[in-house]
Amino acid sequence: MEKWGQSGWRVVGESVRGAAHERAGMPNQDAIRWEPLQGGNPPLVLCLSDGHGGARYCRSDVGSRLAVDTGVEVIREFLAGHEGVDNLSVVKRSAEEKLTQALARRWREAVAAHIAEQPLTAGEELLLVGRPAAAAAPADAAGGEATTAAGVRAAIPGHVAYGATLLAAVVAPRFILYLQLGDGDILAVSTRGEVVRPLAGDERLFANETTSLCSKDAWRDFRVSFQVSSGEPPALIVLSTDGYANCFRGEADFLKVGSDFLEMMRANGVESVAESLESWLAEASRVGSGDDITLGIMCRLDALSRTQPAEPDTGGGAGPHD
């Protein structure tokens, strides 16, 4: 049995502020982080997050950054704690139960620490319940804002303002692990350019609705796929926030970006693709969704050096929106 950690891997990624957010003067509400920062042998951890945006989630740009930071840290601790466990069924069960709980809990703790350092303003608290921030001014003048803010805090927990999703992929020597809470996309690409979704769909994700780290019992909403090392590992694992898929005409066009990236890395090298990501994603947002876009790719280097049968070009592309 070939271990999935025997080959060297490389991670590349980029996050760009959406064209619509640039016009509105809003920050990029996506975030990305991976470790180790340089290529090498697994374990590798890649995390992406998409802050919800909108008035109610007025600190979701911070929430997404906390999501990827705590995500990488918690997963790294999980891997270290299970390094000597031979029974992979135990590791799988722990990932589905304990790891998901730890991810949700540590994000909530990080948010609480941020609120302690930078308390929500009266205007932000009013936004949580759908009232305009300007409504705080008359209350301040009348000396009644403390009562209003207290009522808001009792009705809506402060961490809701930080609402964000979380996507993660882990390549370890004996297994690969995918986790997802909320919208976004994870693709696995074979050496032949075949693209699959390793996680089952979630019927709760439609229109602008999504599950979230700020939800009650958020750990229960994680989708998890644990794959034991067997046969040939993926050539690429691609993670993206939903702003990228929304730039394409449909599912088939979007899935083709997986094989397109593989072909481009084989033809031009990983560095060339990495250097082009920012301009590609910015253009995709400009002519497509207008949303923030974040993309991360885990590349198995020996798969990139192999000559594979050419796939027919059916249109679309991994670069700017077609």
C-alpha atoms as a PDB file:
ATOM      1  CA  MET A   1       0.000   0.000   0.000  1.00  0.00           C
ATOM      2  CA  GLU A   2       1.428   3.353  -1.045  1.00  0.00           C
ATOM      3  CA  LYS A   3       1.449   5.899   1.724  1.00  0.00           C
ATOM      4  CA  TRP A   4       0.030   9.228   0.696  1.00  0.00           C
ATOM      5  CA  GLY A   5       2.874  10.987   2.445  1.00  0.00           C
ATOM      6  CA  GLN A   6       5.771   9.506   0.491  1.00  0.00           C
ATOM      7  CA  SER A   7       5.722  12.202  -2.195  1.00  0.00           C
ATOM      8  CA  GLY A   8       6.621  15.843  -1.783  1.00  0.00           C
ATOM      9  CA  TRP A   9       3.726  18.289  -1.811  1.00  0.00           C
ATOM     10  CA  ARG A  10       3.396  22.012  -2.349  1.00  0.00           C
ATOM     11  CA  VAL A  11       0.611  24.386  -1.356  1.00  0.00           C
ATOM     12  CA  VAL A  12      -0.164  27.581  -3.251  1.00  0.00           C
ATOM     13  CA  GLY A  13      -3.006  29.985  -2.679  1.00  0.00           C
ATOM     14  CA  GLU A  14      -4.336  33.504  -2.924  1.00  0.00           C
ATOM     15  CA  SER A  15      -7.173  35.642  -1.583  1.00  0.00           C
ATOM     16  CA  VAL A  16      -8.474  38.735  -3.393  1.00  0.00           C
ATOM     17  CA  ARG A  17     -10.988  41.374  -2.431  1.00  0.00           C
ATOM     18  CA  GLY A  18     -14.077  41.212  -4.597  1.00  0.00           C
ATOM     19  CA  ALA A  19     -14.735  43.862  -7.216  1.00  0.00           C
ATOM     20  CA  ALA A  20     -18.052  44.740  -5.559  1.00  0.00           C
ATOM     21  CA  HIS A  21     -16.361  45.084  -2.182  1.00  0.00           C
ATOM     22  CA  GLU A  22     -13.710  47.353  -3.682  1.00  0.00           C
ATOM     23  CA  ARG A  23     -16.371  49.646  -5.107  1.00  0.00           C
ATOM     24  CA  ALA A  24     -18.204  49.719  -1.759  1.00  0.00           C
ATOM     25  CA  GLY A  25     -15.016  50.237   0.275  1.00  0.00           C
ATOM     26  CA  MET A  26     -15.535  46.956   2.144  1.00  0.00           C
ATOM     27  CA  PRO A  27     -12.664  44.727   3.315  1.00  0.00           C
ATOM     28  CA  ASN A  28     -11.873  41.262   2.003  1.00  0.00           C
ATOM     29  CA  GLN A  29     -13.908  38.941   4.217  1.00  0.00           C
ATOM     30  CA  ASP A  30     -12.112  35.764   3.107  1.00  0.00           C
ATOM     31  CA  ALA A  31      -8.988  34.278   4.661  1.00  0.00           C
ATOM     32  CA  ILE A  32      -6.502  31.501   3.910  1.00  0.00           C
ATOM     33  CA  ARG A  33      -3.707  29.815   5.840  1.00  0.00           C
ATOM     34  CA  TRP A  34      -1.658  26.681   5.378  1.00  0.00           C
ATOM     35  CA  GLU A  35       1.212  24.864   7.086  1.00  0.00           C
ATOM     36  CA  PRO A  36       3.955  24.065   6.512  1.00  0.00           C
ATOM     37  CA  LEU A  37       4.593  27.196   4.501  1.00  0.00           C
ATOM     38  CA  GLN A  38       7.153  25.505   2.252  1.00  0.00           C
ATOM     39  CA  GLY A  39       6.812  22.327   0.193  1.00  0.00           C
ATOM     40  CA  GLY A  40       7.777  18.948   1.568  1.00  0.00           C
ATOM     41  CA  ASN A  41       6.374  15.814   3.086  1.00  0.00           C
ATOM     42  CA  PRO A  42       3.039  15.687   4.921  1.00  0.00           C
ATOM     43  CA  PRO A  43       1.305  16.369   7.143  1.00  0.00           C
ATOM     44  CA  LEU A  44      -0.003  19.404   5.315  1.00  0.00           C
ATOM     45  CA  VAL A  45      -2.931  21.513   6.483  1.00  0.00           C
ATOM     46  CA  LEU A  46      -4.848  24.020   4.349  1.00  0.00           C
ATOM     47  CA  CYS A  47      -7.730  26.130   5.695  1.00  0.00           C
ATOM     48  CA  LEU A  48     -10.024  28.659   3.984  1.00  0.00           C
ATOM     49  CA  SER A  49     -12.804  30.761   5.447  1.00  0.00           C
ATOM     50  CA  ASP A  50     -15.458  33.095   4.070  1.00  0.00           C
ATOM     51  CA  GLY A  51     -16.920  35.742   6.341  1.00  0.00           C
ATOM     52  CA  HIS A  52     -20.655  36.130   5.802  1.00  0.00           C
ATOM     53  CA  GLY A  53     -20.662  39.873   5.205  1.00  0.00           C
ATOM     54  CA  GLY A  54     -23.813  41.901   5.563  1.00  0.00           C
ATOM     55  CA  ALA A  55     -24.632  44.336   8.325  1.00  0.00           C
ATOM     56  CA  ARG A  56     -25.372  41.722  10.982  1.00  0.00           C
ATOM     57  CA  TYR A  57     -21.985  40.041  10.484  1.00  0.00           C
ATOM     58  CA  CYS A  58     -20.096  43.310  10.777  1.00  0.00           C
ATOM     59  CA  ARG A  59     -16.888  41.656  12.029  1.00  0.00           C
ATOM     60  CA  SER A  60     -16.896  38.645   9.741  1.00  0.00           C
ATOM     61  CA  ASP A  61     -13.580  39.708   8.181  1.00  0.00           C
ATOM     62  CA  VAL A  62     -12.045  39.165  11.616  1.00  0.00           C
ATOM     63  CA  GLY A  63     -14.086  35.993  12.075  1.00  0.00           C
ATOM     64  CA  SER A  64     -12.645  34.437   8.915  1.00  0.00           C
ATOM     65  CA  ARG A  65      -9.074  35.207   9.957  1.00  0.00           C
ATOM     66  CA  LEU A  66      -9.684  33.679  13.367  1.00  0.00           C
ATOM     67  CA  ALA A  67     -11.240  30.649  11.642  1.00  0.00           C
ATOM     68  CA  VAL A  68      -8.162  29.820   9.558  1.00  0.00           C
ATOM     69  CA  ASP A  69      -5.745  30.556  12.395  1.00  0.00           C
ATOM     70  CA  THR A  70      -7.544  28.394  14.933  1.00  0.00           C
ATOM     71  CA  GLY A  71      -8.302  25.816  12.240  1.00  0.00           C
ATOM     72  CA  VAL A  72      -4.647  25.210  11.411  1.00  0.00           C
ATOM     73  CA  GLU A  73      -3.652  25.196  15.080  1.00  0.00           C
ATOM     74  CA  VAL A  74      -6.389  22.774  16.181  1.00  0.00           C
ATOM     75  CA  ILE A  75      -5.780  20.377  13.277  1.00  0.00           C
ATOM     76  CA  ARG A  76      -2.041  20.423  13.928  1.00  0.00           C
ATOM     77  CA  GLU A  77      -2.699  19.516  17.567  1.00  0.00           C
ATOM     78  CA  PHE A  78      -5.095  16.774  16.447  1.00  0.00           C
ATOM     79  CA  LEU A  79      -2.451  15.236  14.177  1.00  0.00           C
ATOM     80  CA  ALA A  80       0.194  15.369  16.897  1.00  0.00           C
ATOM     81  CA  GLY A  81      -2.166  13.742  19.383  1.00  0.00           C
ATOM     82  CA  HIS A  82      -2.919  10.837  17.031  1.00  0.00           C
ATOM     83  CA  GLU A  83       0.544  10.322  15.606  1.00  0.00           C
ATOM     84  CA  GLY A  84       1.086   7.021  17.405  1.00  0.00           C
ATOM     85  CA  VAL A  85      -2.431   5.637  16.933  1.00  0.00           C
ATOM     86  CA  ASP A  86      -2.324   2.567  14.660  1.00  0.00           C
ATOM     87  CA  ASN A  87      -6.071   2.044  14.405  1.00  0.00           C
ATOM     88  CA  LEU A  88      -7.243   4.516  11.774  1.00  0.00           C
ATOM     89  CA  SER A  89     -10.876   3.833  12.674  1.00  0.00           C
ATOM     90  CA  VAL A  90     -10.136   5.515  15.979  1.00  0.00           C
ATOM     91  CA  VAL A  91      -8.574   8.491  14.186  1.00  0.00           C
ATOM     92  CA  LYS A  92     -11.588   8.749  11.868  1.00  0.00           C
ATOM     93  CA  ARG A  93     -14.089   8.687  14.711  1.00  0.00           C
ATOM     94  CA  SER A  94     -12.077  11.260  16.619  1.00  0.00           C
ATOM     95  CA  ALA A  95     -11.974  13.545  13.573  1.00  0.00           C
ATOM     96  CA  GLU A  96     -15.734  13.328  13.126  1.00  0.00           C
ATOM     97  CA  GLU A  97     -16.525  13.995  16.772  1.00  0.00           C
ATOM     98  CA  LYS A  98     -13.712  15.517  18.824  1.00  0.00           C
ATOM     99  CA  LEU A  99     -11.944  17.485  16.102  1.00  0.00           C
ATOM    100  CA  THR A 100     -15.100  19.175  14.870  1.00  0.00           C
ATOM    101  CA  GLN A 101     -16.037  20.119  18.422  1.00  0.00           C
ATOM    102  CA  ALA A 102     -12.557  21.508  19.047  1.00  0.00           C
ATOM    103  CA  LEU A 103     -12.667  23.585  15.850  1.00  0.00           C
ATOM    104  CA  ALA A 104     -15.976  25.188  16.776  1.00  0.00           C
ATOM    105  CA  ARG A 105     -15.005  25.706  20.426  1.00  0.00           C
ATOM    106  CA  ARG A 106     -11.603  27.257  19.741  1.00  0.00           C
ATOM    107  CA  TRP A 107     -13.058  29.654  17.191  1.00  0.00           C
ATOM    108  CA  ARG A 108     -15.658  30.749  19.725  1.00  0.00           C
ATOM    109  CA  GLU A 109     -12.911  31.232  22.342  1.00  0.00           C
ATOM    110  CA  ALA A 110     -10.818  33.277  19.916  1.00  0.00           C
ATOM    111  CA  VAL A 111     -13.817  35.470  19.121  1.00  0.00           C
ATOM    112  CA  ALA A 112     -14.519  35.973  22.827  1.00  0.00           C
ATOM    113  CA  ALA A 113     -10.919  37.059  23.360  1.00  0.00           C
ATOM    114  CA  HIS A 114     -11.185  39.533  20.486  1.00  0.00           C
ATOM    115  CA  ILE A 115     -14.406  40.990  21.892  1.00  0.00           C
ATOM    116  CA  ALA A 116     -12.752  41.337  25.305  1.00  0.00           C
ATOM    117  CA  GLU A 117      -9.962  43.377  23.699  1.00  0.00           C
ATOM    118  CA  GLN A 118     -12.239  45.312  21.338  1.00  0.00           C
ATOM    119  CA  PRO A 119     -15.812  45.328  22.665  1.00  0.00           C
ATOM    120  CA  LEU A 120     -18.631  45.664  20.179  1.00  0.00           C
ATOM    121  CA  THR A 121     -19.707  49.257  19.753  1.00  0.00           C
ATOM    122  CA  ALA A 122     -23.283  50.307  20.411  1.00  0.00           C
ATOM    123  CA  GLY A 123     -23.804  50.626  16.671  1.00  0.00           C
ATOM    124  CA  GLU A 124     -22.462  47.113  16.032  1.00  0.00           C
ATOM    125  CA  GLU A 125     -24.736  45.666  18.688  1.00  0.00           C
ATOM    126  CA  LEU A 126     -27.733  47.290  17.044  1.00  0.00           C
ATOM    127  CA  LEU A 127     -26.720  45.844  13.680  1.00  0.00           C
ATOM    128  CA  LEU A 128     -26.950  42.372  15.220  1.00  0.00           C
ATOM    129  CA  VAL A 129     -30.700  42.771  15.553  1.00  0.00           C
ATOM    130  CA  GLY A 130     -31.195  44.471  12.213  1.00  0.00           C
ATOM    131  CA  ARG A 131     -31.323  48.050  13.393  1.00  0.00           C
ATOM    132  CA  PRO A 132     -29.178  50.682  11.618  1.00  0.00           C
ATOM    133  CA  ALA A 133     -26.088  51.786  13.472  1.00  0.00           C
ATOM    134  CA  ALA A 134     -27.302  55.376  13.217  1.00  0.00           C
ATOM    135  CA  ALA A 135     -30.079  54.437  15.621  1.00  0.00           C
ATOM    136  CA  ALA A 136     -27.495  54.466  18.389  1.00  0.00           C
ATOM    137  CA  ALA A 137     -27.024  58.220  18.192  1.00  0.00           C
ATOM    138  CA  PRO A 138     -30.377  59.342  19.677  1.00  0.00           C
ATOM    139  CA  ALA A 139     -30.101  56.735  22.402  1.00  0.00           C
ATOM    140  CA  ASP A 140     -26.612  57.940  23.272  1.00  0.00           C
ATOM    141  CA  ALA A 141     -27.840  61.494  23.456  1.00  0.00           C
ATOM    142  CA  ALA A 142     -30.703  60.471  25.707  1.00  0.00           C
ATOM    143  CA  GLY A 143     -28.463  58.384  27.916  1.00  0.00           C
ATOM    144  CA  GLY A 144     -30.446  55.231  27.178  1.00  0.00           C
ATOM    145  CA  GLU A 145     -27.994  53.308  24.983  1.00  0.00           C
ATOM    146  CA  ALA A 146     -26.752  51.107  27.834  1.00  0.00           C
ATOM    147  CA  THR A 147     -30.211  49.673  28.250  1.00  0.00           C
ATOM    148  CA  THR A 148     -30.620  49.169  24.495  1.00  0.00           C
ATOM    149  CA  ALA A 149     -27.201  47.529  24.157  1.00  0.00           C
ATOM    150  CA  ALA A 150     -27.871  45.267  27.108  1.00  0.00           C
ATOM    151  CA  GLY A 151     -31.082  44.133  25.476  1.00  0.00           C
ATOM    152  CA  VAL A 152     -29.251  43.393  22.245  1.00  0.00           C
ATOM    153  CA  ARG A 153     -26.551  41.396  24.046  1.00  0.00           C
ATOM    154  CA  ALA A 154     -29.209  39.316  25.718  1.00  0.00           C
ATOM    155  CA  ALA A 155     -30.995  38.631  22.432  1.00  0.00           C
ATOM    156  CA  ILE A 156     -28.036  37.996  20.082  1.00  0.00           C
ATOM    157  CA  PRO A 157     -24.629  36.669  21.221  1.00  0.00           C
ATOM    158  CA  GLY A 158     -21.757  38.901  20.164  1.00  0.00           C
ATOM    159  CA  HIS A 159     -19.940  36.121  18.312  1.00  0.00           C
ATOM    160  CA  VAL A 160     -22.653  36.212  15.631  1.00  0.00           C
ATOM    161  CA  ALA A 161     -21.035  39.421  14.335  1.00  0.00           C
ATOM    162  CA  TYR A 162     -17.988  37.286  13.393  1.00  0.00           C
ATOM    163  CA  GLY A 163     -19.921  34.639  11.409  1.00  0.00           C
ATOM    164  CA  ALA A 164     -17.797  32.678   8.944  1.00  0.00           C
ATOM    165  CA  THR A 165     -17.415  29.343   7.190  1.00  0.00           C
ATOM    166  CA  LEU A 166     -14.486  26.903   7.353  1.00  0.00           C
ATOM    167  CA  LEU A 167     -13.024  24.554   4.742  1.00  0.00           C
ATOM    168  CA  ALA A 168     -10.002  22.371   5.479  1.00  0.00           C
ATOM    169  CA  ALA A 169      -7.962  19.651   3.816  1.00  0.00           C
ATOM    170  CA  VAL A 170      -5.299  17.588   5.556  1.00  0.00           C
ATOM    171  CA  VAL A 171      -2.795  15.333   3.816  1.00  0.00           C
ATOM    172  CA  ALA A 172      -1.181  12.959   6.310  1.00  0.00           C
ATOM    173  CA  PRO A 173       1.126   9.972   5.647  1.00  0.00           C
ATOM    174  CA  ARG A 174      -1.676   7.440   6.187  1.00  0.00           C
ATOM    175  CA  PHE A 175      -4.841   9.317   5.322  1.00  0.00           C
ATOM    176  CA  ILE A 176      -6.399  12.402   3.840  1.00  0.00           C
ATOM    177  CA  LEU A 177      -9.060  14.370   5.693  1.00  0.00           C
ATOM    178  CA  TYR A 178     -11.579  16.868   4.364  1.00  0.00           C
ATOM    179  CA  LEU A 179     -13.758  19.087   6.581  1.00  0.00           C
ATOM    180  CA  GLN A 180     -16.297  21.701   5.603  1.00  0.00           C
ATOM    181  CA  LEU A 181     -18.728  23.926   7.460  1.00  0.00           C
ATOM    182  CA  GLY A 182     -20.733  26.223   5.233  1.00  0.00           C
ATOM    183  CA  ASP A 183     -20.549  26.983   1.530  1.00  0.00           C
ATOM    184  CA  GLY A 184     -17.506  26.837  -0.728  1.00  0.00           C
ATOM    185  CA  ASP A 185     -15.965  24.009  -2.729  1.00  0.00           C
ATOM    186  CA  ILE A 186     -13.442  21.203  -2.305  1.00  0.00           C
ATOM    187  CA  LEU A 187     -12.278  19.251  -5.369  1.00  0.00           C
ATOM    188  CA  ALA A 188      -9.921  16.292  -5.722  1.00  0.00           C
ATOM    189  CA  VAL A 189      -8.148  15.884  -9.069  1.00  0.00           C
ATOM    190  CA  SER A 190      -6.616  12.574 -10.187  1.00  0.00           C
ATOM    191  CA  THR A 191      -3.428  12.253 -12.257  1.00  0.00           C
ATOM    192  CA  ARG A 192      -5.657  11.740 -15.318  1.00  0.00           C
ATOM    193  CA  GLY A 193      -7.493  14.995 -14.670  1.00  0.00           C
ATOM    194  CA  GLU A 194     -10.661  13.417 -13.296  1.00  0.00           C
ATOM    195  CA  VAL A 195     -12.371  15.748 -10.825  1.00  0.00           C
ATOM    196  CA  VAL A 196     -14.574  14.651  -7.927  1.00  0.00           C
ATOM    197  CA  ARG A 197     -16.108  16.234  -4.878  1.00  0.00           C
ATOM    198  CA  PRO A 198     -14.872  14.257  -1.850  1.00  0.00           C
ATOM    199  CA  LEU A 199     -17.646  15.575   0.392  1.00  0.00           C
ATOM    200  CA  ALA A 200     -21.367  14.975   0.086  1.00  0.00           C
ATOM    201  CA  GLY A 201     -23.515  17.992  -0.688  1.00  0.00           C
ATOM    202  CA  ASP A 202     -25.499  19.870   1.949  1.00  0.00           C
ATOM    203  CA  GLU A 203     -29.099  20.640   0.989  1.00  0.00           C
ATOM    204  CA  ARG A 204     -29.194  23.476   3.515  1.00  0.00           C
ATOM    205  CA  LEU A 205     -26.824  25.516   1.336  1.00  0.00           C
ATOM    206  CA  PHE A 206     -28.901  27.401  -1.198  1.00  0.00           C
ATOM    207  CA  ALA A 207     -29.108  30.997  -2.411  1.00  0.00           C
ATOM    208  CA  ASN A 208     -27.284  32.977   0.273  1.00  0.00           C
ATOM    209  CA  GLU A 209     -28.050  30.585   3.122  1.00  0.00           C
ATOM    210  CA  THR A 210     -25.159  28.752   4.775  1.00  0.00           C
ATOM    211  CA  THR A 211     -24.228  26.900   7.921  1.00  0.00           C
ATOM    212  CA  SER A 212     -21.761  28.789  10.074  1.00  0.00           C
ATOM    213  CA  LEU A 213     -19.238  28.730  12.887  1.00  0.00           C
ATOM    214  CA  CYS A 214     -21.460  31.207  14.710  1.00  0.00           C
ATOM    215  CA  SER A 215     -24.408  28.794  14.792  1.00  0.00           C
ATOM    216  CA  LYS A 216     -25.426  26.945  17.930  1.00  0.00           C
ATOM    217  CA  ASP A 217     -23.760  23.501  18.033  1.00  0.00           C
ATOM    218  CA  ALA A 218     -21.821  24.416  14.892  1.00  0.00           C
ATOM    219  CA  TRP A 219     -19.696  21.274  15.180  1.00  0.00           C
ATOM    220  CA  ARG A 220     -22.713  19.170  14.235  1.00  0.00           C
ATOM    221  CA  ASP A 221     -22.905  20.920  10.858  1.00  0.00           C
ATOM    222  CA  PHE A 222     -19.419  19.918   9.703  1.00  0.00           C
ATOM    223  CA  ARG A 223     -19.208  17.550   6.752  1.00  0.00           C
ATOM    224  CA  VAL A 224     -16.252  15.185   7.126  1.00  0.00           C
ATOM    225  CA  SER A 225     -14.588  12.727   4.752  1.00  0.00           C
ATOM    226  CA  PHE A 226     -11.761  10.498   6.019  1.00  0.00           C
ATOM    227  CA  GLN A 227      -9.913   8.536   3.336  1.00  0.00           C
ATOM    228  CA  VAL A 228      -7.349   5.912   4.250  1.00  0.00           C
ATOM    229  CA  SER A 229      -4.215   5.794   2.105  1.00  0.00           C
ATOM    230  CA  SER A 230      -4.941   3.347  -0.714  1.00  0.00           C
ATOM    231  CA  GLY A 231      -3.730   3.342  -4.294  1.00  0.00           C
ATOM    232  CA  GLU A 232      -2.666   6.596  -5.896  1.00  0.00           C
ATOM    233  CA  PRO A 233      -3.390   9.847  -4.036  1.00  0.00           C
ATOM    234  CA  PRO A 234      -4.879  12.886  -5.766  1.00  0.00           C
ATOM    235  CA  ALA A 235      -2.619  14.988  -7.939  1.00  0.00           C
ATOM    236  CA  LEU A 236      -4.323  18.165  -6.711  1.00  0.00           C
ATOM    237  CA  ILE A 237      -6.715  19.122  -3.953  1.00  0.00           C
ATOM    238  CA  VAL A 238      -8.455  22.425  -4.662  1.00  0.00           C
ATOM    239  CA  LEU A 239     -10.312  24.504  -2.070  1.00  0.00           C
ATOM    240  CA  SER A 240     -12.193  27.706  -2.889  1.00  0.00           C
ATOM    241  CA  THR A 241     -14.729  30.041  -1.352  1.00  0.00           C
ATOM    242  CA  ASP A 242     -18.076  30.302  -3.112  1.00  0.00           C
ATOM    243  CA  GLY A 243     -17.141  33.538  -4.864  1.00  0.00           C
ATOM    244  CA  TYR A 244     -15.089  31.475  -7.331  1.00  0.00           C
ATOM    245  CA  ALA A 245     -17.707  28.890  -8.330  1.00  0.00           C
ATOM    246  CA  ASN A 246     -20.235  31.703  -8.744  1.00  0.00           C
ATOM    247  CA  CYS A 247     -18.100  33.092 -11.568  1.00  0.00           C
ATOM    248  CA  PHE A 248     -18.852  30.088 -13.792  1.00  0.00           C
ATOM    249  CA  ARG A 249     -21.898  29.280 -15.890  1.00  0.00           C
ATOM    250  CA  GLY A 250     -22.550  25.951 -14.206  1.00  0.00           C
ATOM    251  CA  GLU A 251     -21.216  22.913 -12.392  1.00  0.00           C
ATOM    252  CA  ALA A 252     -19.447  21.374 -15.395  1.00  0.00           C
ATOM    253  CA  ASP A 253     -17.569  24.578 -16.203  1.00  0.00           C
ATOM    254  CA  PHE A 254     -16.488  24.975 -12.602  1.00  0.00           C
ATOM    255  CA  LEU A 255     -15.339  21.374 -12.155  1.00  0.00           C
ATOM    256  CA  LYS A 256     -13.121  21.728 -15.193  1.00  0.00           C
ATOM    257  CA  VAL A 257     -10.916  24.191 -13.336  1.00  0.00           C
ATOM    258  CA  GLY A 258      -9.434  21.183 -11.507  1.00  0.00           C
ATOM    259  CA  SER A 259      -8.098  19.547 -14.664  1.00  0.00           C
ATOM    260  CA  ASP A 260      -7.163  22.961 -16.086  1.00  0.00           C
ATOM    261  CA  PHE A 261      -4.971  23.731 -13.093  1.00  0.00           C
ATOM    262  CA  LEU A 262      -3.316  20.322 -13.377  1.00  0.00           C
ATOM    263  CA  GLU A 263      -2.544  20.867 -17.072  1.00  0.00           C
ATOM    264  CA  MET A 264      -1.172  24.364 -16.452  1.00  0.00           C
ATOM    265  CA  MET A 265       1.063  23.221 -13.606  1.00  0.00           C
ATOM    266  CA  ARG A 266       2.434  20.431 -15.762  1.00  0.00           C
ATOM    267  CA  ALA A 267       3.026  22.758 -18.691  1.00  0.00           C
ATOM    268  CA  ASN A 268       4.285  25.868 -16.911  1.00  0.00           C
ATOM    269  CA  GLY A 269       5.232  24.811 -13.389  1.00  0.00           C
ATOM    270  CA  VAL A 270       3.770  25.455  -9.970  1.00  0.00           C
ATOM    271  CA  GLU A 271       5.521  28.802  -9.540  1.00  0.00           C
ATOM    272  CA  SER A 272       4.036  30.198 -12.737  1.00  0.00           C
ATOM    273  CA  VAL A 273       0.515  29.298 -11.600  1.00  0.00           C
ATOM    274  CA  ALA A 274       1.155  30.656  -8.099  1.00  0.00           C
ATOM    275  CA  GLU A 275       2.348  33.993  -9.502  1.00  0.00           C
ATOM    276  CA  SER A 276      -0.723  34.290 -11.747  1.00  0.00           C
ATOM    277  CA  LEU A 277      -3.382  33.439  -9.161  1.00  0.00           C
ATOM    278  CA  GLU A 278      -3.940  36.969  -7.889  1.00  0.00           C
ATOM    279  CA  SER A 279      -4.575  38.456 -11.329  1.00  0.00           C
ATOM    280  CA  TRP A 280      -6.733  35.503 -12.414  1.00  0.00           C
ATOM    281  CA  LEU A 281      -8.935  35.668  -9.336  1.00  0.00           C
ATOM    282  CA  ALA A 282      -9.242  39.457  -9.458  1.00  0.00           C
ATOM    283  CA  GLU A 283     -10.371  39.268 -13.082  1.00  0.00           C
ATOM    284  CA  ALA A 284     -12.791  36.438 -12.310  1.00  0.00           C
ATOM    285  CA  SER A 285     -14.410  38.576  -9.622  1.00  0.00           C
ATOM    286  CA  ARG A 286     -14.501  41.632 -11.862  1.00  0.00           C
ATOM    287  CA  VAL A 287     -16.347  39.950 -14.739  1.00  0.00           C
ATOM    288  CA  GLY A 288     -18.128  37.322 -12.638  1.00  0.00           C
ATOM    289  CA  SER A 289     -19.491  37.231  -9.114  1.00  0.00           C
ATOM    290  CA  GLY A 290     -17.997  40.479  -7.797  1.00  0.00           C
ATOM    291  CA  ASP A 291     -17.427  38.620  -4.531  1.00  0.00           C
ATOM    292  CA  ASP A 292     -14.214  38.021  -2.617  1.00  0.00           C
ATOM    293  CA  ILE A 293     -12.432  34.938  -3.958  1.00  0.00           C
ATOM    294  CA  THR A 294      -9.988  32.690  -2.134  1.00  0.00           C
ATOM    295  CA  LEU A 295      -8.322  29.658  -3.692  1.00  0.00           C
ATOM    296  CA  GLY A 296      -5.867  27.135  -2.275  1.00  0.00           C
ATOM    297  CA  ILE A 297      -4.266  24.209  -4.126  1.00  0.00           C
ATOM    298  CA  MET A 298      -2.386  21.261  -2.612  1.00  0.00           C
ATOM    299  CA  CYS A 299      -0.125  19.838  -5.343  1.00  0.00           C
ATOM    300  CA  ARG A 300       1.554  16.417  -5.344  1.00  0.00           C
ATOM    301  CA  LEU A 301       4.828  17.204  -7.055  1.00  0.00           C
ATOM    302  CA  ASP A 302       5.585  13.773  -8.534  1.00  0.00           C
ATOM    303  CA  ALA A 303       2.150  13.778 -10.207  1.00  0.00           C
ATOM    304  CA  LEU A 304       2.976  17.068 -11.898  1.00  0.00           C
ATOM    305  CA  SER A 305       6.120  15.664 -13.477  1.00  0.00           C
ATOM    306  CA  ARG A 306       4.371  12.701 -15.113  1.00  0.00           C
ATOM    307  CA  THR A 307       3.252  12.799 -18.716  1.00  0.00           C
ATOM    308  CA  GLN A 308      -0.421  11.941 -18.840  1.00  0.00           C
ATOM    309  CA  PRO A 309      -2.778  11.342 -21.793  1.00  0.00           C
ATOM    310  CA  ALA A 310      -4.099  14.659 -23.049  1.00  0.00           C
ATOM    311  CA  GLU A 311      -7.695  15.479 -22.159  1.00  0.00           C
ATOM    312  CA  PRO A 312      -9.956  17.092 -24.771  1.00  0.00           C
ATOM    313  CA  ASP A 313     -10.503  20.823 -24.283  1.00  0.00           C
ATOM    314  CA  THR A 314     -14.216  21.397 -23.691  1.00  0.00           C
ATOM    315  CA  GLY A 315     -13.984  25.097 -22.988  1.00  0.00           C
ATOM    316  CA  GLY A 316     -13.849  27.078 -19.756  1.00  0.00           C
ATOM    317  CA  GLY A 317     -10.662  27.666 -17.847  1.00  0.00           C
ATOM    318  CA  ALA A 318      -9.024  27.922 -14.462  1.00  0.00           C
ATOM    319  CA  GLY A 319      -7.985  31.495 -14.968  1.00  0.00           C
ATOM    320  CA  PRO A 320     -10.260  34.491 -15.541  1.00  0.00           C
ATOM    321  CA  HIS A 321     -13.977  33.792 -15.656  1.00  0.00           C
ATOM    322  CA  ASP A 322     -15.072  32.414 -19.005  1.00  0.00           C
END
